[in-house]
C-alpha atoms as a PDB file:
ATOM      1  CA  MET A   1      14.066 126.854 117.356  1.00  0.00           C
ATOM      2  CA  ASN A   2      14.444 130.080 120.028  1.00  0.00           C
ATOM      3  CA  THR A   3      12.987 132.460 118.046  1.00  0.00           C
ATOM      4  CA  LYS A   4      14.471 136.139 119.076  1.00  0.00           C
ATOM      5  CA  ILE A   5      11.681 138.925 119.055  1.00  0.00           C
ATOM      6  CA  PHE A   6      12.710 142.116 117.259  1.00  0.00           C
ATOM      7  CA  CYS A   7      10.474 145.187 117.967  1.00  0.00           C
ATOM      8  CA  ASP A   8       9.211 147.352 114.894  1.00  0.00           C
ATOM      9  CA  ILE A   9       8.891 150.689 115.686  1.00  0.00           C
ATOM     10  CA  ALA A  10      10.508 154.074 115.587  1.00  0.00           C
ATOM     11  CA  GLU A  11       8.925 155.902 118.353  1.00  0.00           C
ATOM     12  CA  ILE A  12      11.836 157.138 120.846  1.00  0.00           C
ATOM     13  CA  GLU A  13       9.550 156.784 124.122  1.00  0.00           C
ATOM     14  CA  THR A  14       8.224 153.508 123.003  1.00  0.00           C
ATOM     15  CA  ILE A  15      12.045 152.222 121.995  1.00  0.00           C
ATOM     16  CA  GLN A  16      13.062 153.492 125.630  1.00  0.00           C
ATOM     17  CA  LYS A  17      10.386 151.528 127.265  1.00  0.00           C
ATOM     18  CA  PHE A  18      10.810 148.037 125.458  1.00  0.00           C
ATOM     19  CA  ASN A  19      14.614 148.140 125.176  1.00  0.00           C
ATOM     20  CA  LYS A  20      14.279 147.615 128.861  1.00  0.00           C
ATOM     21  CA  LYS A  21      12.124 143.785 128.259  1.00  0.00           C
ATOM     22  CA  ILE A  22      14.412 140.914 127.853  1.00  0.00           C
ATOM     23  CA  ILE A  23      12.016 139.776 125.710  1.00  0.00           C
ATOM     24  CA  VAL A  24      13.169 142.474 123.166  1.00  0.00           C
ATOM     25  CA  LYS A  25      16.051 140.955 121.464  1.00  0.00           C
ATOM     26  CA  GLY A  26      16.768 143.955 118.897  1.00  0.00           C
ATOM     27  CA  PHE A  27      14.669 146.490 116.965  1.00  0.00           C
ATOM     28  CA  THR A  28      13.885 146.979 113.591  1.00  0.00           C
ATOM     29  CA  THR A  29      12.638 150.492 111.577  1.00  0.00           C
ATOM     30  CA  ASN A  30      11.937 151.715 108.238  1.00  0.00           C
ATOM     31  CA  PRO A  31      11.596 155.034 106.446  1.00  0.00           C
ATOM     32  CA  SER A  32       7.651 154.455 106.987  1.00  0.00           C
ATOM     33  CA  LEU A  33       8.042 154.011 110.525  1.00  0.00           C
ATOM     34  CA  MET A  34      10.350 156.932 110.862  1.00  0.00           C
ATOM     35  CA  ARG A  35       8.184 159.510 109.096  1.00  0.00           C
ATOM     36  CA  LYS A  36       5.221 158.110 111.520  1.00  0.00           C
ATOM     37  CA  ALA A  37       7.248 158.946 114.530  1.00  0.00           C
ATOM     38  CA  GLY A  38       7.894 162.175 113.289  1.00  0.00           C
ATOM     39  CA  ALA A  39      11.473 162.080 112.157  1.00  0.00           C
ATOM     40  CA  LYS A  40      12.735 165.020 110.504  1.00  0.00           C
ATOM     41  CA  ASP A  41      16.675 164.666 110.190  1.00  0.00           C
ATOM     42  CA  TYR A  42      16.976 161.142 109.519  1.00  0.00           C
ATOM     43  CA  GLU A  43      20.735 160.945 110.617  1.00  0.00           C
ATOM     44  CA  LEU A  44      20.075 162.621 113.942  1.00  0.00           C
ATOM     45  CA  TYR A  45      16.929 160.315 114.899  1.00  0.00           C
ATOM     46  CA  SER A  46      18.457 157.366 114.051  1.00  0.00           C
ATOM     47  CA  LYS A  47      21.612 158.628 116.222  1.00  0.00           C
ATOM     48  CA  ARG A  48      18.929 159.092 118.880  1.00  0.00           C
ATOM     49  CA  ILE A  49      17.717 155.603 118.690  1.00  0.00           C
ATOM     50  CA  LEU A  50      20.985 154.228 118.606  1.00  0.00           C
ATOM     51  CA  LYS A  51      22.035 156.301 122.028  1.00  0.00           C
ATOM     52  CA  ILE A  52      19.275 154.192 123.534  1.00  0.00           C
ATOM     53  CA  CYS A  53      19.620 150.919 121.708  1.00  0.00           C
ATOM     54  CA  LYS A  54      23.561 150.154 122.439  1.00  0.00           C
ATOM     55  CA  ASN A  55      23.534 146.392 123.135  1.00  0.00           C
ATOM     56  CA  LYS A  56      21.040 145.271 121.035  1.00  0.00           C
ATOM     57  CA  PRO A  57      21.133 145.143 117.062  1.00  0.00           C
ATOM     58  CA  VAL A  58      19.261 147.880 115.278  1.00  0.00           C
ATOM     59  CA  SER A  59      18.178 147.938 111.695  1.00  0.00           C
ATOM     60  CA  LEU A  60      18.052 151.084 110.010  1.00  0.00           C
ATOM     61  CA  GLU A  61      17.217 151.633 106.294  1.00  0.00           C
ATOM     62  CA  VAL A  62      18.862 153.226 103.145  1.00  0.00           C
ATOM     63  CA  PHE A  63      16.178 155.384 101.344  1.00  0.00           C
ATOM     64  CA  ALA A  64      18.065 155.605  98.061  1.00  0.00           C
ATOM     65  CA  ASP A  65      16.548 154.218  95.010  1.00  0.00           C
ATOM     66  CA  GLU A  66      20.208 154.082  92.740  1.00  0.00           C
ATOM     67  CA  TYR A  67      23.439 151.835  92.985  1.00  0.00           C
ATOM     68  CA  SER A  68      25.961 154.613  93.849  1.00  0.00           C
ATOM     69  CA  GLN A  69      23.368 156.420  96.553  1.00  0.00           C
ATOM     70  CA  MET A  70      22.467 153.174  98.315  1.00  0.00           C
ATOM     71  CA  ILE A  71      25.958 152.342  98.518  1.00  0.00           C
ATOM     72  CA  MET A  72      26.898 155.897  99.961  1.00  0.00           C
ATOM     73  CA  GLN A  73      24.263 156.091 102.542  1.00  0.00           C
ATOM     74  CA  ALA A  74      24.650 152.003 103.559  1.00  0.00           C
ATOM     75  CA  THR A  75      28.235 152.571 104.034  1.00  0.00           C
ATOM     76  CA  LYS A  76      27.660 155.901 106.191  1.00  0.00           C
ATOM     77  CA  ILE A  77      24.563 154.268 108.356  1.00  0.00           C
ATOM     78  CA  ASN A  78      27.024 151.319 109.413  1.00  0.00           C
ATOM     79  CA  ASN A  79      29.462 153.837 110.544  1.00  0.00           C
ATOM     80  CA  TRP A  80      26.856 155.383 113.182  1.00  0.00           C
ATOM     81  CA  ALA A  81      27.288 152.208 115.403  1.00  0.00           C
ATOM     82  CA  LYS A  82      28.779 148.912 116.052  1.00  0.00           C
ATOM     83  CA  ASN A  83      25.212 147.191 116.604  1.00  0.00           C
ATOM     84  CA  VAL A  84      23.813 148.639 112.866  1.00  0.00           C
ATOM     85  CA  TYR A  85      22.330 145.981 110.669  1.00  0.00           C
ATOM     86  CA  VAL A  86      21.691 148.206 107.112  1.00  0.00           C
ATOM     87  CA  LYS A  87      18.823 147.557 105.783  1.00  0.00           C
ATOM     88  CA  ILE A  88      18.816 147.099 101.746  1.00  0.00           C
ATOM     89  CA  PRO A  89      15.441 146.569 100.014  1.00  0.00           C
ATOM     90  CA  VAL A  90      15.973 143.084  97.597  1.00  0.00           C
ATOM     91  CA  THR A  91      14.964 145.167  94.578  1.00  0.00           C
ATOM     92  CA  ASN A  92      14.698 149.194  94.032  1.00  0.00           C
ATOM     93  CA  SER A  93      11.473 150.857  93.169  1.00  0.00           C
ATOM     94  CA  LYS A  94      11.921 149.658  89.563  1.00  0.00           C
ATOM     95  CA  GLY A  95      11.982 146.367  90.509  1.00  0.00           C
ATOM     96  CA  LYS A  96      15.725 145.730  89.900  1.00  0.00           C
ATOM     97  CA  PHE A  97      17.304 143.180  92.023  1.00  0.00           C
ATOM     98  CA  MET A  98      20.081 144.935  94.344  1.00  0.00           C
ATOM     99  CA  GLY A  99      22.608 142.287  94.106  1.00  0.00           C
ATOM    100  CA  LYS A 100      25.724 144.331  93.202  1.00  0.00           C
ATOM    101  CA  VAL A 101      24.747 146.449  96.116  1.00  0.00           C
ATOM    102  CA  ILE A 102      24.541 143.119  98.648  1.00  0.00           C
ATOM    103  CA  ARG A 103      27.280 141.726  96.994  1.00  0.00           C
ATOM    104  CA  GLU A 104      29.267 145.520  97.223  1.00  0.00           C
ATOM    105  CA  LEU A 105      28.413 145.727 100.976  1.00  0.00           C
ATOM    106  CA  ASN A 106      28.476 142.021 102.304  1.00  0.00           C
ATOM    107  CA  SER A 107      32.320 141.806 101.166  1.00  0.00           C
ATOM    108  CA  LYS A 108      33.291 145.014 103.161  1.00  0.00           C
ATOM    109  CA  ASN A 109      31.790 142.834 106.279  1.00  0.00           C
ATOM    110  CA  ILE A 110      28.895 145.544 106.978  1.00  0.00           C
ATOM    111  CA  LYS A 111      26.007 143.702 108.875  1.00  0.00           C
ATOM    112  CA  LEU A 112      22.935 143.775 106.444  1.00  0.00           C
ATOM    113  CA  ASN A 113      18.895 143.657 106.351  1.00  0.00           C
ATOM    114  CA  ILE A 114      17.855 142.654 102.825  1.00  0.00           C
ATOM    115  CA  THR A 115      14.148 143.878 103.288  1.00  0.00           C
ATOM    116  CA  ALA A 116      10.893 143.452 101.338  1.00  0.00           C
ATOM    117  CA  VAL A 117      11.319 139.524 100.155  1.00  0.00           C
ATOM    118  CA  TYR A 118       8.685 137.456  99.515  1.00  0.00           C
ATOM    119  CA  THR A 119       9.764 134.349  97.794  1.00  0.00           C
ATOM    120  CA  ALA A 120      12.339 131.732  98.248  1.00  0.00           C
ATOM    121  CA  LYS A 121      13.554 132.561  94.514  1.00  0.00           C
ATOM    122  CA  GLN A 122      14.604 135.841  95.876  1.00  0.00           C
ATOM    123  CA  THR A 123      15.858 134.226  99.089  1.00  0.00           C
ATOM    124  CA  GLU A 124      17.971 132.235  96.393  1.00  0.00           C
ATOM    125  CA  LYS A 125      19.235 135.349  94.517  1.00  0.00           C
ATOM    126  CA  ILE A 126      20.324 136.967  97.745  1.00  0.00           C
ATOM    127  CA  LEU A 127      22.631 134.013  98.996  1.00  0.00           C
ATOM    128  CA  LYS A 128      24.571 133.811  96.090  1.00  0.00           C
ATOM    129  CA  ASN A 129      25.661 137.106  96.423  1.00  0.00           C
ATOM    130  CA  LEU A 130      26.640 136.565 100.276  1.00  0.00           C
ATOM    131  CA  ASN A 131      29.820 135.324 101.816  1.00  0.00           C
ATOM    132  CA  LYS A 132      29.771 132.928 104.585  1.00  0.00           C
ATOM    133  CA  LYS A 133      31.264 135.165 107.495  1.00  0.00           C
ATOM    134  CA  THR A 134      29.433 138.417 107.387  1.00  0.00           C
ATOM    135  CA  LYS A 135      26.040 138.731 109.797  1.00  0.00           C
ATOM    136  CA  VAL A 136      22.706 139.067 107.354  1.00  0.00           C
ATOM    137  CA  ILE A 137      19.367 138.953 107.518  1.00  0.00           C
ATOM    138  CA  ILE A 138      16.800 137.958 105.011  1.00  0.00           C
ATOM    139  CA  SER A 139      13.455 139.638 106.172  1.00  0.00           C
ATOM    140  CA  ILE A 140      10.337 137.855 104.426  1.00  0.00           C
ATOM    141  CA  PHE A 141       7.004 140.080 104.653  1.00  0.00           C
ATOM    142  CA  ALA A 142       4.617 137.128 105.830  1.00  0.00           C
ATOM    143  CA  GLY A 143       1.860 139.652 106.465  1.00  0.00           C
ATOM    144  CA  ARG A 144       2.022 141.758 103.467  1.00  0.00           C
ATOM    145  CA  ALA A 145       1.723 138.594 101.113  1.00  0.00           C
ATOM    146  CA  ALA A 146      -1.261 137.515 103.594  1.00  0.00           C
ATOM    147  CA  ASP A 147      -2.894 140.098 102.637  1.00  0.00           C
ATOM    148  CA  ALA A 148      -2.761 139.827  99.258  1.00  0.00           C
ATOM    149  CA  GLY A 149      -4.148 136.503  99.447  1.00  0.00           C
ATOM    150  CA  LYS A 150      -0.603 134.649  99.222  1.00  0.00           C
ATOM    151  CA  ASP A 151       0.340 132.021 101.621  1.00  0.00           C
ATOM    152  CA  PRO A 152       3.916 133.014 102.807  1.00  0.00           C
ATOM    153  CA  VAL A 153       4.559 129.575 105.062  1.00  0.00           C
ATOM    154  CA  PRO A 154       6.137 127.490 101.991  1.00  0.00           C
ATOM    155  CA  GLU A 155       8.488 130.527 100.996  1.00  0.00           C
ATOM    156  CA  PHE A 156       9.910 130.990 104.240  1.00  0.00           C
ATOM    157  CA  LYS A 157      10.104 126.742 104.258  1.00  0.00           C
ATOM    158  CA  LYS A 158      12.159 126.827 101.190  1.00  0.00           C
ATOM    159  CA  SER A 159      14.126 129.643 102.066  1.00  0.00           C
ATOM    160  CA  ILE A 160      14.940 128.021 105.641  1.00  0.00           C
ATOM    161  CA  LYS A 161      16.351 125.279 104.073  1.00  0.00           C
ATOM    162  CA  ILE A 162      18.625 126.914 101.499  1.00  0.00           C
ATOM    163  CA  SER A 163      19.897 129.400 103.603  1.00  0.00           C
ATOM    164  CA  LYS A 164      20.797 126.767 106.161  1.00  0.00           C
ATOM    165  CA  ARG A 165      24.430 126.394 104.681  1.00  0.00           C
ATOM    166  CA  PHE A 166      24.940 129.801 105.501  1.00  0.00           C
ATOM    167  CA  LYS A 167      25.630 129.850 109.294  1.00  0.00           C
ATOM    168  CA  ASN A 168      25.846 133.697 109.075  1.00  0.00           C
ATOM    169  CA  VAL A 169      22.025 134.348 107.746  1.00  0.00           C
ATOM    170  CA  GLU A 170      19.097 134.659 109.672  1.00  0.00           C
ATOM    171  CA  ILE A 171      15.388 134.495 108.547  1.00  0.00           C
ATOM    172  CA  LEU A 172      13.185 136.634 109.939  1.00  0.00           C
ATOM    173  CA  TRP A 173       9.306 136.637 109.971  1.00  0.00           C
ATOM    174  CA  ALA A 174       8.608 140.530 108.988  1.00  0.00           C
ATOM    175  CA  SER A 175       5.062 142.202 108.596  1.00  0.00           C
ATOM    176  CA  VAL A 176       3.337 141.025 111.791  1.00  0.00           C
ATOM    177  CA  ARG A 177      -0.662 141.059 111.624  1.00  0.00           C
ATOM    178  CA  GLU A 178      -1.653 138.852 115.324  1.00  0.00           C
ATOM    179  CA  PRO A 179       0.270 136.797 117.914  1.00  0.00           C
ATOM    180  CA  TYR A 180       0.058 133.726 116.673  1.00  0.00           C
ATOM    181  CA  ASN A 181       2.369 134.474 113.804  1.00  0.00           C
ATOM    182  CA  TYR A 182       5.152 133.806 116.823  1.00  0.00           C
ATOM    183  CA  ILE A 183       4.021 130.345 117.340  1.00  0.00           C
ATOM    184  CA  GLN A 184       3.956 129.988 113.303  1.00  0.00           C
ATOM    185  CA  ALA A 185       7.674 131.877 113.178  1.00  0.00           C
ATOM    186  CA  LYS A 186       8.978 129.193 115.770  1.00  0.00           C
ATOM    187  CA  GLN A 187       7.301 126.311 114.618  1.00  0.00           C
ATOM    188  CA  LEU A 188       9.103 127.200 110.922  1.00  0.00           C
ATOM    189  CA  GLY A 189      12.320 127.442 112.395  1.00  0.00           C
ATOM    190  CA  CYS A 190      12.607 131.597 112.020  1.00  0.00           C
ATOM    191  CA  HIS A 191      15.510 132.742 113.818  1.00  0.00           C
ATOM    192  CA  ILE A 192      13.838 136.068 114.346  1.00  0.00           C
ATOM    193  CA  ILE A 193      10.252 137.714 114.540  1.00  0.00           C
ATOM    194  CA  THR A 194       9.864 141.228 114.037  1.00  0.00           C
ATOM    195  CA  VAL A 195       7.077 142.605 115.943  1.00  0.00           C
ATOM    196  CA  PRO A 196       4.971 145.826 116.733  1.00  0.00           C
ATOM    197  CA  PRO A 197       4.837 146.936 120.271  1.00  0.00           C
ATOM    198  CA  LYS A 198       0.901 145.870 121.124  1.00  0.00           C
ATOM    199  CA  ILE A 199       1.376 142.663 119.975  1.00  0.00           C
ATOM    200  CA  ILE A 200       4.602 141.891 121.817  1.00  0.00           C
ATOM    201  CA  GLU A 201       2.306 142.608 124.931  1.00  0.00           C
ATOM    202  CA  LYS A 202      -0.101 140.266 123.533  1.00  0.00           C
ATOM    203  CA  ILE A 203       2.508 137.701 123.422  1.00  0.00           C
ATOM    204  CA  GLN A 204       3.964 138.455 127.261  1.00  0.00           C
ATOM    205  CA  SER A 205       0.175 137.554 128.102  1.00  0.00           C
ATOM    206  CA  PHE A 206       0.065 134.107 126.214  1.00  0.00           C
ATOM    207  CA  GLY A 207      -0.888 130.871 128.162  1.00  0.00           C
ATOM    208  CA  LYS A 208      -4.769 131.857 128.808  1.00  0.00           C
ATOM    209  CA  THR A 209      -7.135 128.740 128.386  1.00  0.00           C
ATOM    210  CA  PHE A 210     -10.109 128.629 126.225  1.00  0.00           C
ATOM    211  CA  ASP A 211     -12.305 128.952 129.125  1.00  0.00           C
ATOM    212  CA  SER A 212     -10.827 132.062 130.623  1.00  0.00           C
ATOM    213  CA  LEU A 213     -11.260 133.442 127.559  1.00  0.00           C
ATOM    214  CA  THR A 214     -15.000 132.696 127.003  1.00  0.00           C
ATOM    215  CA  LYS A 215     -15.390 133.893 130.286  1.00  0.00           C
ATOM    216  CA  GLU A 216     -13.255 137.457 129.339  1.00  0.00           C
ATOM    217  CA  THR A 217     -15.314 138.027 126.376  1.00  0.00           C
ATOM    218  CA  VAL A 218     -18.574 137.552 127.529  1.00  0.00           C
ATOM    219  CA  LYS A 219     -18.062 139.828 130.770  1.00  0.00           C
ATOM    220  CA  ALA A 220     -16.540 142.577 128.007  1.00  0.00           C
ATOM    221  CA  PHE A 221     -19.685 142.192 126.147  1.00  0.00           C
ATOM    222  CA  LEU A 222     -21.755 142.454 129.395  1.00  0.00           C
ATOM    223  CA  VAL A 223     -19.928 145.410 130.499  1.00  0.00           C
ATOM    224  CA  ASP A 224     -20.404 147.283 127.240  1.00  0.00           C
ATOM    225  CA  SER A 225     -24.385 146.468 127.180  1.00  0.00           C
ATOM    226  CA  LYS A 226     -24.784 147.901 130.572  1.00  0.00           C
ATOM    227  CA  LYS A 227     -22.429 150.931 129.735  1.00  0.00           C
ATOM    228  CA  SER A 228     -24.614 151.669 126.452  1.00  0.00           C
ATOM    229  CA  LYS A 229     -27.859 151.156 128.743  1.00  0.00           C
ATOM    230  CA  PHE A 230     -29.153 148.678 126.048  1.00  0.00           C
ATOM    231  CA  LYS A 231     -32.873 147.755 126.806  1.00  0.00           C
ATOM    232  CA  ILE A 232     -35.123 145.376 125.028  1.00  0.00           C
ATOM    233  CA  SER A 233     -38.763 146.143 125.655  1.00  0.00           C
ATOM    234  CA  PHE A 234     -41.389 143.225 126.390  1.00  0.00           C
END
């Protein structure tokens, strides 16, 4: 499986830099990343991103919490560019499954990225509300699950298996914590992994031997001890 790497970021300068990288096949954002990047006007800021990324998929998320507002926001976001995937949370903040929203938008041929997914049961519920032609990404939050002491791998395995009959559906490994997650995602058969910029740079330097890593590590300790002028009296 050739797992595509998307860059998970909202900062304009970083997007400009990573959009030039062949390894980066798309971009994902969310309201938290937008806020961190200093966005004040959601629409204007999103359009700045889309002006840079014209040929790669860009996921932009709704921030409404109720059905009608979510539909309105999603419809508008979809019209901003042809390469937009509208991010819809699998549930709202009250825990209500957004199946009605997913079904309505999917039936209008709006490309979706269903986000904040954690279980294969959620994946199954999503699939029941999809057609088999409009593109959909299902983002499963591996890192956050692991942070809570849960193993996300079985949920990925089940989700990938049950979604195989949908050629228009891609499973995405979200909330990456370390470069090795890319290897895990490839081994599982994930279609996409969305990765922060610093970890993408580490993935690009894959291939070092254990011997070279040992030498690098020891040298770093030695350099820092000299910089600190550490001494032990005898």
